């Protein structure tokens, strides 16, 4: 069975750019000039996961979610 990682994903069709997510998780979410999130592609870890869960729960449009995806394969030397 392959390993998985958790990361953030957002739905731009429902997001209104409230910016709450960036306030809760500034380490992984920045805002563009219009207030829409720019997500860091880093996997969530033990330190960032609780903050990510809070950002997801607080999104007024339910546009932010945590997804589990297959971990990337290690690069060959």
N, C-alpha and C. Protein backbone atom coordinates (compact mmCIF):
# COMPACT_ATOMS: atom_id res chain seq x y z
N UNK A 1 0.85 -1.18 0.00
CA UNK A 1 0.00 0.00 0.00
C UNK A 1 0.89 1.24 0.00
N UNK A 2 0.57 2.19 -0.84
CA UNK A 2 1.40 3.38 -0.94
C UNK A 2 1.09 4.36 0.19
N UNK A 3 2.07 5.16 0.52
CA UNK A 3 1.90 6.17 1.56
C UNK A 3 1.13 7.35 1.01
N UNK A 4 0.48 8.07 1.92
CA UNK A 4 -0.27 9.26 1.52
C UNK A 4 0.21 10.46 2.34
N UNK A 5 -0.08 11.61 1.82
CA UNK A 5 0.18 12.87 2.51
C UNK A 5 -1.12 13.67 2.52
N UNK A 6 -1.20 14.62 3.42
CA UNK A 6 -2.34 15.54 3.46
C UNK A 6 -1.86 16.90 2.99
N UNK A 7 -2.71 17.54 2.22
CA UNK A 7 -2.40 18.90 1.77
C UNK A 7 -3.69 19.68 1.60
N UNK A 8 -3.55 20.97 1.50
CA UNK A 8 -4.70 21.85 1.33
C UNK A 8 -5.09 21.97 -0.14
N UNK A 9 -6.38 22.14 -0.36
CA UNK A 9 -6.89 22.41 -1.70
C UNK A 9 -8.05 23.38 -1.55
N UNK A 10 -8.25 24.24 -2.53
CA UNK A 10 -9.39 25.16 -2.47
C UNK A 10 -10.14 25.14 -3.79
N UNK A 11 -11.41 25.50 -3.69
CA UNK A 11 -12.28 25.52 -4.85
C UNK A 11 -12.49 26.98 -5.25
N UNK A 12 -11.85 27.41 -6.33
CA UNK A 12 -11.95 28.83 -6.72
C UNK A 12 -13.33 29.24 -7.19
N UNK A 13 -14.17 28.28 -7.55
CA UNK A 13 -15.50 28.67 -8.04
C UNK A 13 -16.44 29.06 -6.91
N UNK A 14 -16.16 28.65 -5.67
CA UNK A 14 -17.03 29.04 -4.56
C UNK A 14 -16.37 30.02 -3.60
N UNK A 15 -15.06 30.19 -3.69
CA UNK A 15 -14.34 31.10 -2.79
C UNK A 15 -14.70 32.55 -3.12
N UNK A 16 -14.95 33.33 -2.05
CA UNK A 16 -15.24 34.75 -2.24
C UNK A 16 -14.09 35.63 -1.78
N UNK A 17 -12.99 35.03 -1.34
CA UNK A 17 -11.83 35.81 -0.94
C UNK A 17 -11.97 36.46 0.42
N UNK A 18 -12.61 35.79 1.36
CA UNK A 18 -12.77 36.36 2.71
C UNK A 18 -11.44 36.51 3.43
N UNK A 19 -10.50 35.62 3.15
CA UNK A 19 -9.16 35.73 3.72
C UNK A 19 -8.97 35.13 5.09
N UNK A 20 -10.01 34.53 5.66
CA UNK A 20 -9.90 33.93 6.99
C UNK A 20 -8.82 32.85 7.02
N UNK A 21 -8.72 32.06 5.98
CA UNK A 21 -7.76 30.96 5.94
C UNK A 21 -6.32 31.45 6.10
N UNK A 22 -5.99 32.57 5.48
CA UNK A 22 -4.64 33.11 5.57
C UNK A 22 -4.35 33.67 6.96
N UNK A 23 -5.38 34.14 7.66
CA UNK A 23 -5.20 34.62 9.03
C UNK A 23 -4.88 33.46 9.96
N UNK A 24 -5.51 32.31 9.74
CA UNK A 24 -5.33 31.15 10.60
C UNK A 24 -4.05 30.40 10.27
N UNK A 25 -3.67 30.36 9.01
CA UNK A 25 -2.52 29.56 8.58
C UNK A 25 -1.59 30.34 7.66
N UNK A 26 -1.00 31.43 8.16
CA UNK A 26 -0.15 32.25 7.29
C UNK A 26 1.12 31.54 6.82
N UNK A 27 1.50 30.46 7.50
CA UNK A 27 2.70 29.72 7.09
C UNK A 27 2.49 29.02 5.74
N UNK A 28 1.23 28.69 5.41
CA UNK A 28 0.96 27.95 4.18
C UNK A 28 0.00 28.64 3.23
N UNK A 29 -0.62 29.74 3.67
CA UNK A 29 -1.59 30.42 2.81
C UNK A 29 -1.28 31.91 2.75
N UNK A 30 -1.07 32.39 1.55
CA UNK A 30 -0.92 33.83 1.30
C UNK A 30 -2.16 34.27 0.52
N UNK A 31 -2.35 35.56 0.41
CA UNK A 31 -3.48 36.08 -0.37
C UNK A 31 -2.97 36.85 -1.57
N UNK A 32 -3.67 36.70 -2.69
CA UNK A 32 -3.30 37.49 -3.86
C UNK A 32 -3.88 38.89 -3.73
N UNK A 33 -3.72 39.71 -4.75
CA UNK A 33 -4.18 41.10 -4.70
C UNK A 33 -5.69 41.24 -4.53
N UNK A 34 -6.45 40.20 -4.83
CA UNK A 34 -7.91 40.25 -4.73
C UNK A 34 -8.43 39.53 -3.49
N UNK A 35 -7.51 39.02 -2.65
CA UNK A 35 -7.90 38.36 -1.41
C UNK A 35 -8.12 36.87 -1.53
N UNK A 36 -7.78 36.29 -2.68
CA UNK A 36 -7.94 34.85 -2.85
C UNK A 36 -6.68 34.12 -2.40
N UNK A 37 -6.83 32.90 -1.87
CA UNK A 37 -5.69 32.19 -1.31
C UNK A 37 -4.70 31.68 -2.36
N UNK A 38 -3.44 31.74 -1.98
CA UNK A 38 -2.36 31.10 -2.71
C UNK A 38 -1.80 30.06 -1.75
N UNK A 39 -2.02 28.79 -2.07
CA UNK A 39 -1.66 27.71 -1.16
C UNK A 39 -0.26 27.20 -1.41
N UNK A 40 0.47 26.97 -0.34
CA UNK A 40 1.77 26.32 -0.42
C UNK A 40 1.50 24.84 -0.66
N UNK A 41 2.27 24.20 -1.50
CA UNK A 41 2.02 22.80 -1.83
C UNK A 41 2.66 21.82 -0.84
N UNK A 42 3.29 22.35 0.21
CA UNK A 42 3.91 21.47 1.21
C UNK A 42 2.85 20.60 1.87
N UNK A 43 3.23 19.35 2.20
CA UNK A 43 2.29 18.51 2.94
C UNK A 43 2.06 19.06 4.35
N UNK A 44 0.89 18.79 4.88
CA UNK A 44 0.58 19.19 6.25
C UNK A 44 1.28 18.24 7.21
N UNK A 45 1.83 18.77 8.28
CA UNK A 45 2.50 17.94 9.28
C UNK A 45 1.80 18.10 10.62
N UNK A 46 2.37 17.52 11.67
CA UNK A 46 1.74 17.55 12.99
C UNK A 46 1.53 18.97 13.50
N UNK A 47 2.41 19.88 13.12
CA UNK A 47 2.33 21.26 13.58
C UNK A 47 1.29 22.06 12.80
N UNK A 48 1.20 21.84 11.51
CA UNK A 48 0.30 22.65 10.68
C UNK A 48 -1.10 22.05 10.53
N UNK A 49 -1.24 20.74 10.74
CA UNK A 49 -2.54 20.09 10.54
C UNK A 49 -3.65 20.69 11.41
N UNK A 50 -3.45 20.91 12.72
CA UNK A 50 -4.54 21.49 13.51
C UNK A 50 -4.96 22.88 13.03
N UNK A 51 -4.02 23.68 12.59
CA UNK A 51 -4.33 25.02 12.07
C UNK A 51 -5.07 24.91 10.73
N UNK A 52 -4.64 23.95 9.91
CA UNK A 52 -5.32 23.73 8.63
C UNK A 52 -6.76 23.29 8.86
N UNK A 53 -6.97 22.42 9.83
CA UNK A 53 -8.33 21.97 10.15
C UNK A 53 -9.19 23.14 10.62
N UNK A 54 -8.61 24.04 11.40
CA UNK A 54 -9.34 25.22 11.86
C UNK A 54 -9.68 26.15 10.69
N UNK A 55 -8.74 26.32 9.77
CA UNK A 55 -8.99 27.16 8.60
C UNK A 55 -10.10 26.56 7.74
N UNK A 56 -10.08 25.25 7.55
CA UNK A 56 -11.11 24.58 6.76
C UNK A 56 -12.47 24.75 7.43
N UNK A 57 -12.52 24.53 8.74
CA UNK A 57 -13.79 24.64 9.47
C UNK A 57 -14.34 26.06 9.46
N UNK A 58 -13.46 27.06 9.38
CA UNK A 58 -13.89 28.45 9.43
C UNK A 58 -14.18 29.08 8.10
N UNK A 59 -13.94 28.37 7.01
CA UNK A 59 -14.17 28.95 5.69
C UNK A 59 -15.67 29.18 5.49
N UNK A 60 -16.07 30.44 5.30
CA UNK A 60 -17.50 30.73 5.20
C UNK A 60 -18.18 30.13 3.96
N UNK A 61 -17.43 29.82 2.94
CA UNK A 61 -18.00 29.26 1.71
C UNK A 61 -17.66 27.78 1.51
N UNK A 62 -16.99 27.17 2.49
CA UNK A 62 -16.57 25.76 2.39
C UNK A 62 -15.72 25.52 1.14
N UNK A 63 -14.89 26.48 0.83
CA UNK A 63 -14.06 26.40 -0.37
C UNK A 63 -12.70 25.75 -0.10
N UNK A 64 -12.36 25.56 1.15
CA UNK A 64 -11.06 25.02 1.52
C UNK A 64 -11.25 23.61 2.08
N UNK A 65 -10.36 22.70 1.69
CA UNK A 65 -10.44 21.35 2.22
C UNK A 65 -9.05 20.74 2.35
N UNK A 66 -9.00 19.69 3.14
CA UNK A 66 -7.77 18.91 3.29
C UNK A 66 -7.98 17.64 2.49
N UNK A 67 -7.05 17.36 1.59
CA UNK A 67 -7.16 16.14 0.81
C UNK A 67 -5.99 15.22 1.11
N UNK A 68 -6.23 13.95 0.98
CA UNK A 68 -5.19 12.95 1.16
C UNK A 68 -4.83 12.44 -0.22
N UNK A 69 -3.56 12.55 -0.56
CA UNK A 69 -3.09 12.16 -1.89
C UNK A 69 -1.89 11.23 -1.74
N UNK A 70 -1.59 10.43 -2.76
CA UNK A 70 -0.41 9.58 -2.69
C UNK A 70 0.86 10.42 -2.52
N UNK A 71 1.74 9.93 -1.68
CA UNK A 71 3.03 10.63 -1.48
C UNK A 71 3.84 10.51 -2.76
N UNK A 72 4.59 11.56 -3.10
CA UNK A 72 5.42 11.48 -4.29
C UNK A 72 6.49 10.41 -4.12
N UNK A 73 6.83 9.79 -5.22
CA UNK A 73 7.90 8.79 -5.18
C UNK A 73 9.24 9.47 -4.96
N UNK A 74 10.14 8.79 -4.24
CA UNK A 74 11.45 9.40 -4.04
C UNK A 74 12.19 9.56 -5.37
N UNK A 75 12.94 10.63 -5.46
CA UNK A 75 13.71 10.89 -6.69
C UNK A 75 14.91 9.98 -6.74
N UNK A 76 15.19 9.50 -7.92
CA UNK A 76 16.37 8.65 -8.11
C UNK A 76 17.62 9.51 -8.18
N UNK A 77 18.71 8.99 -7.63
CA UNK A 77 19.96 9.77 -7.70
C UNK A 77 20.53 9.82 -9.09
